[in-house]
Amino acid sequence: MENYSDDTMELFPYDTITEYEFADMVSDPDSKSAVDDIHNWLYRASLEVCEIPTNRKEWLISDASSSRLRSPRLFEFLLLLVAKPHYESYASFTDRSKGIFQIHQPEKVAALWQAVKSRQSNQKMTYDKFARAIRWYYKSNIMQKTNTRYTFQFSSETLRKSPVDENNNGTERFSI
């Protein structure tokens, strides 16, 4: 690999690339466009692991009984998640009128739930733990059972109390 000027290294501050990774990034290592190839490869790689930044304030719920803002309960988080257009890659309604939604990126949704809830734990929130928590809502009729993987359904009662309407994306703060 050629030595590049300091200006180039500001664009590309990584000095621990293996020969294999370099060969994968650059079509012709001797060409003048090697730096551009590396830059493009890093950009594509960053898109694959790109996370949507979490702003906890956008998830706060106005508690009806105390009029205070609080972190959402899991079902409230799910209602807000499917209502927010910028999280469509994480989860979306498959049949809004029936309250059926599908989680597209289960591990990212579990990680987002951990961040929104400000869960202080050394253990990572996995999708298995997340789904188990959702299943607790079946007994209290907040959620209804579906027989499809990564697919869940809000009960009609939960939907009735929800601020998410047929056309809308929901509200940032609501009380149930």
C-alpha atoms as a PDB file:
ATOM      1  CA  MET A   1       0.000   0.000   0.000  1.00  0.00           C
ATOM      2  CA  GLU A   2       1.400   3.385  -0.976  1.00  0.00           C
ATOM      3  CA  ASN A   3       2.037   6.109   1.533  1.00  0.00           C
ATOM      4  CA  TYR A   4      -0.571   8.807   1.271  1.00  0.00           C
ATOM      5  CA  SER A   5      -0.447  12.411   2.375  1.00  0.00           C
ATOM      6  CA  ASP A   6      -1.816  13.534   5.727  1.00  0.00           C
ATOM      7  CA  ASP A   7      -4.876  14.932   3.935  1.00  0.00           C
ATOM      8  CA  THR A   8      -5.707  11.477   2.646  1.00  0.00           C
ATOM      9  CA  MET A   9      -5.238   9.922   6.063  1.00  0.00           C
ATOM     10  CA  GLU A  10      -7.782  12.340   7.517  1.00  0.00           C
ATOM     11  CA  LEU A  11     -10.308  10.845   5.122  1.00  0.00           C
ATOM     12  CA  PHE A  12      -9.082   7.362   5.900  1.00  0.00           C
ATOM     13  CA  PRO A  13      -7.725   7.140   9.473  1.00  0.00           C
ATOM     14  CA  TYR A  14      -7.641   3.328   9.588  1.00  0.00           C
ATOM     15  CA  ASP A  15      -4.196   1.745   9.799  1.00  0.00           C
ATOM     16  CA  THR A  16      -5.127  -1.809  10.736  1.00  0.00           C
ATOM     17  CA  ILE A  17      -6.525  -3.115   7.469  1.00  0.00           C
ATOM     18  CA  THR A  18      -5.360  -6.586   6.546  1.00  0.00           C
ATOM     19  CA  GLU A  19      -4.208  -7.481   3.034  1.00  0.00           C
ATOM     20  CA  TYR A  20      -7.383  -9.514   2.520  1.00  0.00           C
ATOM     21  CA  GLU A  21      -9.623  -6.588   3.452  1.00  0.00           C
ATOM     22  CA  PHE A  22      -7.556  -4.269   1.262  1.00  0.00           C
ATOM     23  CA  ALA A  23      -7.922  -6.603  -1.728  1.00  0.00           C
ATOM     24  CA  ASP A  24     -11.681  -6.704  -1.126  1.00  0.00           C
ATOM     25  CA  MET A  25     -11.881  -2.915  -1.008  1.00  0.00           C
ATOM     26  CA  VAL A  26      -9.729  -1.982  -3.978  1.00  0.00           C
ATOM     27  CA  SER A  27     -10.146  -3.186  -7.540  1.00  0.00           C
ATOM     28  CA  ASP A  28      -6.594  -2.218  -8.583  1.00  0.00           C
ATOM     29  CA  PRO A  29      -4.194  -1.527  -5.669  1.00  0.00           C
ATOM     30  CA  ASP A  30      -1.729   0.282  -7.963  1.00  0.00           C
ATOM     31  CA  SER A  31      -4.274   2.706  -9.378  1.00  0.00           C
ATOM     32  CA  LYS A  32      -4.627   6.320  -8.371  1.00  0.00           C
ATOM     33  CA  SER A  33      -8.255   5.656  -7.420  1.00  0.00           C
ATOM     34  CA  ALA A  34      -7.374   3.229  -4.600  1.00  0.00           C
ATOM     35  CA  VAL A  35      -8.253   5.818  -1.969  1.00  0.00           C
ATOM     36  CA  ASP A  36     -11.613   6.441  -3.643  1.00  0.00           C
ATOM     37  CA  ASP A  37     -12.235   2.688  -3.786  1.00  0.00           C
ATOM     38  CA  ILE A  38     -11.467   2.385  -0.075  1.00  0.00           C
ATOM     39  CA  HIS A  39     -13.691   5.347   0.742  1.00  0.00           C
ATOM     40  CA  ASN A  40     -16.585   3.853  -1.243  1.00  0.00           C
ATOM     41  CA  TRP A  41     -16.107   0.438   0.379  1.00  0.00           C
ATOM     42  CA  LEU A  42     -16.181   1.973   3.854  1.00  0.00           C
ATOM     43  CA  TYR A  43     -19.299   3.949   2.980  1.00  0.00           C
ATOM     44  CA  ARG A  44     -21.103   0.798   1.788  1.00  0.00           C
ATOM     45  CA  ALA A  45     -19.938  -1.070   4.896  1.00  0.00           C
ATOM     46  CA  SER A  46     -21.232   1.719   7.134  1.00  0.00           C
ATOM     47  CA  LEU A  47     -24.673   1.470   5.514  1.00  0.00           C
ATOM     48  CA  GLU A  48     -24.865  -2.201   6.459  1.00  0.00           C
ATOM     49  CA  VAL A  49     -24.311  -1.519  10.157  1.00  0.00           C
ATOM     50  CA  CYS A  50     -25.979   1.887  10.257  1.00  0.00           C
ATOM     51  CA  GLU A  51     -28.148   2.366  13.299  1.00  0.00           C
ATOM     52  CA  ILE A  52     -30.914   4.891  13.594  1.00  0.00           C
ATOM     53  CA  PRO A  53     -29.874   7.258  16.383  1.00  0.00           C
ATOM     54  CA  THR A  54     -32.013   6.879  19.484  1.00  0.00           C
ATOM     55  CA  ASN A  55     -33.482   9.957  21.073  1.00  0.00           C
ATOM     56  CA  ARG A  56     -35.125   8.807  24.293  1.00  0.00           C
ATOM     57  CA  LYS A  57     -37.290  11.933  24.415  1.00  0.00           C
ATOM     58  CA  GLU A  58     -39.166  10.921  21.266  1.00  0.00           C
ATOM     59  CA  TRP A  59     -40.354   7.789  23.091  1.00  0.00           C
ATOM     60  CA  LEU A  60     -41.636   9.387  26.311  1.00  0.00           C
ATOM     61  CA  ILE A  61     -45.220   8.743  27.333  1.00  0.00           C
ATOM     62  CA  SER A  62     -47.432  11.178  29.203  1.00  0.00           C
ATOM     63  CA  ASP A  63     -48.806   9.215  32.137  1.00  0.00           C
ATOM     64  CA  ALA A  64     -52.543   9.902  32.488  1.00  0.00           C
ATOM     65  CA  SER A  65     -52.642   9.411  36.251  1.00  0.00           C
ATOM     66  CA  SER A  66     -49.623  11.504  37.257  1.00  0.00           C
ATOM     67  CA  SER A  67     -49.307  13.810  34.215  1.00  0.00           C
ATOM     68  CA  ARG A  68     -45.584  13.050  34.167  1.00  0.00           C
ATOM     69  CA  LEU A  69     -43.452  11.845  31.308  1.00  0.00           C
ATOM     70  CA  ARG A  70     -42.175   8.294  31.629  1.00  0.00           C
ATOM     71  CA  SER A  71     -40.541   5.570  29.591  1.00  0.00           C
ATOM     72  CA  PRO A  72     -43.037   3.496  27.627  1.00  0.00           C
ATOM     73  CA  ARG A  73     -44.231   0.056  28.540  1.00  0.00           C
ATOM     74  CA  LEU A  74     -43.364  -2.568  25.973  1.00  0.00           C
ATOM     75  CA  PHE A  75     -46.720  -2.500  24.171  1.00  0.00           C
ATOM     76  CA  GLU A  76     -46.599   1.322  24.057  1.00  0.00           C
ATOM     77  CA  PHE A  77     -43.108   1.111  22.595  1.00  0.00           C
ATOM     78  CA  LEU A  78     -44.401  -1.272  19.918  1.00  0.00           C
ATOM     79  CA  LEU A  79     -47.328   1.012  19.083  1.00  0.00           C
ATOM     80  CA  LEU A  80     -44.957   3.938  18.664  1.00  0.00           C
ATOM     81  CA  LEU A  81     -42.416   1.870  16.742  1.00  0.00           C
ATOM     82  CA  VAL A  82     -44.848   0.793  14.025  1.00  0.00           C
ATOM     83  CA  ALA A  83     -46.280   4.316  13.866  1.00  0.00           C
ATOM     84  CA  LYS A  84     -42.962   6.066  13.187  1.00  0.00           C
ATOM     85  CA  PRO A  85     -42.128   6.101   9.468  1.00  0.00           C
ATOM     86  CA  HIS A  86     -38.362   6.285  10.006  1.00  0.00           C
ATOM     87  CA  TYR A  87     -38.482   2.915  11.808  1.00  0.00           C
ATOM     88  CA  GLU A  88     -40.266   1.084   8.962  1.00  0.00           C
ATOM     89  CA  SER A  89     -37.122  -0.951   8.325  1.00  0.00           C
ATOM     90  CA  TYR A  90     -37.375  -2.239  11.925  1.00  0.00           C
ATOM     91  CA  ALA A  91     -41.111  -3.045  12.077  1.00  0.00           C
ATOM     92  CA  SER A  92     -44.294  -2.164  10.222  1.00  0.00           C
ATOM     93  CA  PHE A  93     -47.985  -2.968  10.078  1.00  0.00           C
ATOM     94  CA  THR A  94     -48.981  -5.759   7.722  1.00  0.00           C
ATOM     95  CA  ASP A  95     -52.681  -5.135   8.445  1.00  0.00           C
ATOM     96  CA  ARG A  96     -53.182  -1.891  10.341  1.00  0.00           C
ATOM     97  CA  SER A  97     -56.958  -2.327  10.779  1.00  0.00           C
ATOM     98  CA  LYS A  98     -56.435  -5.651  12.590  1.00  0.00           C
ATOM     99  CA  GLY A  99     -53.346  -4.453  14.456  1.00  0.00           C
ATOM    100  CA  ILE A 100     -51.063  -7.040  12.877  1.00  0.00           C
ATOM    101  CA  PHE A 101     -47.438  -6.009  12.506  1.00  0.00           C
ATOM    102  CA  GLN A 102     -44.188  -7.684  11.616  1.00  0.00           C
ATOM    103  CA  ILE A 103     -40.728  -7.137  13.047  1.00  0.00           C
ATOM    104  CA  HIS A 104     -38.208  -7.030  10.195  1.00  0.00           C
ATOM    105  CA  GLN A 105     -35.009  -6.616  12.206  1.00  0.00           C
ATOM    106  CA  PRO A 106     -35.618  -8.465  15.476  1.00  0.00           C
ATOM    107  CA  GLU A 107     -32.215  -7.953  17.102  1.00  0.00           C
ATOM    108  CA  LYS A 108     -32.205  -4.234  16.278  1.00  0.00           C
ATOM    109  CA  VAL A 109     -35.714  -3.838  17.708  1.00  0.00           C
ATOM    110  CA  ALA A 110     -34.601  -5.575  20.914  1.00  0.00           C
ATOM    111  CA  ALA A 111     -31.543  -3.308  21.127  1.00  0.00           C
ATOM    112  CA  LEU A 112     -33.725  -0.255  20.496  1.00  0.00           C
ATOM    113  CA  TRP A 113     -36.096  -1.364  23.263  1.00  0.00           C
ATOM    114  CA  GLN A 114     -33.128  -1.686  25.622  1.00  0.00           C
ATOM    115  CA  ALA A 115     -31.989   1.848  24.719  1.00  0.00           C
ATOM    116  CA  VAL A 116     -35.479   3.379  24.986  1.00  0.00           C
ATOM    117  CA  LYS A 117     -36.147   1.717  28.318  1.00  0.00           C
ATOM    118  CA  SER A 118     -32.687   2.773  29.583  1.00  0.00           C
ATOM    119  CA  ARG A 119     -32.265  -0.745  30.813  1.00  0.00           C
ATOM    120  CA  GLN A 120     -29.193  -0.706  33.038  1.00  0.00           C
ATOM    121  CA  SER A 121     -27.878  -4.211  32.718  1.00  0.00           C
ATOM    122  CA  ASN A 122     -24.667  -5.934  31.784  1.00  0.00           C
ATOM    123  CA  GLN A 123     -26.667  -8.370  29.694  1.00  0.00           C
ATOM    124  CA  LYS A 124     -27.749  -7.584  26.172  1.00  0.00           C
ATOM    125  CA  MET A 125     -31.453  -7.565  25.373  1.00  0.00           C
ATOM    126  CA  THR A 126     -31.922 -10.332  22.837  1.00  0.00           C
ATOM    127  CA  TYR A 127     -34.892 -10.890  20.590  1.00  0.00           C
ATOM    128  CA  ASP A 128     -35.769 -14.075  22.513  1.00  0.00           C
ATOM    129  CA  LYS A 129     -36.102 -12.141  25.780  1.00  0.00           C
ATOM    130  CA  PHE A 130     -37.979  -9.370  23.988  1.00  0.00           C
ATOM    131  CA  ALA A 131     -40.487 -11.795  22.414  1.00  0.00           C
ATOM    132  CA  ARG A 132     -40.985 -13.579  25.732  1.00  0.00           C
ATOM    133  CA  ALA A 133     -41.959 -10.245  27.292  1.00  0.00           C
ATOM    134  CA  ILE A 134     -44.467  -9.631  24.496  1.00  0.00           C
ATOM    135  CA  ARG A 135     -46.044 -13.041  25.096  1.00  0.00           C
ATOM    136  CA  TRP A 136     -46.864 -12.010  28.686  1.00  0.00           C
ATOM    137  CA  TYR A 137     -49.360  -9.564  27.163  1.00  0.00           C
ATOM    138  CA  TYR A 138     -51.501 -12.408  25.775  1.00  0.00           C
ATOM    139  CA  LYS A 139     -53.056 -13.138  29.191  1.00  0.00           C
ATOM    140  CA  SER A 140     -53.954  -9.507  29.807  1.00  0.00           C
ATOM    141  CA  ASN A 141     -55.487  -9.149  26.307  1.00  0.00           C
ATOM    142  CA  ILE A 142     -53.115  -6.387  25.264  1.00  0.00           C
ATOM    143  CA  MET A 143     -51.712  -8.575  22.489  1.00  0.00           C
ATOM    144  CA  GLN A 144     -53.204 -11.517  20.623  1.00  0.00           C
ATOM    145  CA  LYS A 145     -51.393 -14.646  19.550  1.00  0.00           C
ATOM    146  CA  THR A 146     -50.356 -15.101  15.932  1.00  0.00           C
ATOM    147  CA  ASN A 147     -48.784 -18.218  14.522  1.00  0.00           C
ATOM    148  CA  THR A 148     -46.265 -16.514  12.275  1.00  0.00           C
ATOM    149  CA  ARG A 149     -42.638 -15.848  13.134  1.00  0.00           C
ATOM    150  CA  TYR A 150     -41.825 -12.199  13.988  1.00  0.00           C
ATOM    151  CA  THR A 151     -45.495 -11.282  13.595  1.00  0.00           C
ATOM    152  CA  PHE A 152     -47.607  -9.923  16.437  1.00  0.00           C
ATOM    153  CA  GLN A 153     -51.083  -8.478  16.848  1.00  0.00           C
ATOM    154  CA  PHE A 154     -52.457  -5.813  19.140  1.00  0.00           C
ATOM    155  CA  SER A 155     -55.858  -6.589  20.620  1.00  0.00           C
ATOM    156  CA  SER A 156     -58.783  -4.521  19.372  1.00  0.00           C
ATOM    157  CA  GLU A 157     -59.032  -2.928  22.830  1.00  0.00           C
ATOM    158  CA  THR A 158     -55.401  -1.816  22.701  1.00  0.00           C
ATOM    159  CA  LEU A 159     -55.894  -0.388  19.214  1.00  0.00           C
ATOM    160  CA  ARG A 160     -59.029   1.454  20.308  1.00  0.00           C
ATOM    161  CA  LYS A 161     -57.100   3.191  23.100  1.00  0.00           C
ATOM    162  CA  SER A 162     -54.138   3.883  20.835  1.00  0.00           C
ATOM    163  CA  PRO A 163     -53.563   7.244  19.142  1.00  0.00           C
ATOM    164  CA  VAL A 164     -52.418   5.483  15.970  1.00  0.00           C
ATOM    165  CA  ASP A 165     -55.129   5.961  13.369  1.00  0.00           C
ATOM    166  CA  GLU A 166     -55.545   4.544   9.879  1.00  0.00           C
ATOM    167  CA  ASN A 167     -53.550   7.260   8.070  1.00  0.00           C
ATOM    168  CA  ASN A 168     -51.342   8.568  10.738  1.00  0.00           C
ATOM    169  CA  ASN A 169     -47.976   7.944  12.120  1.00  0.00           C
ATOM    170  CA  GLY A 170     -49.040   8.293  15.729  1.00  0.00           C
ATOM    171  CA  THR A 171     -48.039  10.861  18.258  1.00  0.00           C
ATOM    172  CA  GLU A 172     -44.911  11.149  20.283  1.00  0.00           C
ATOM    173  CA  ARG A 173     -46.666  11.287  23.609  1.00  0.00           C
ATOM    174  CA  PHE A 174     -49.895   9.633  24.583  1.00  0.00           C
ATOM    175  CA  SER A 175     -51.565   7.932  27.467  1.00  0.00           C
ATOM    176  CA  ILE A 176     -53.243   4.566  27.585  1.00  0.00           C
END
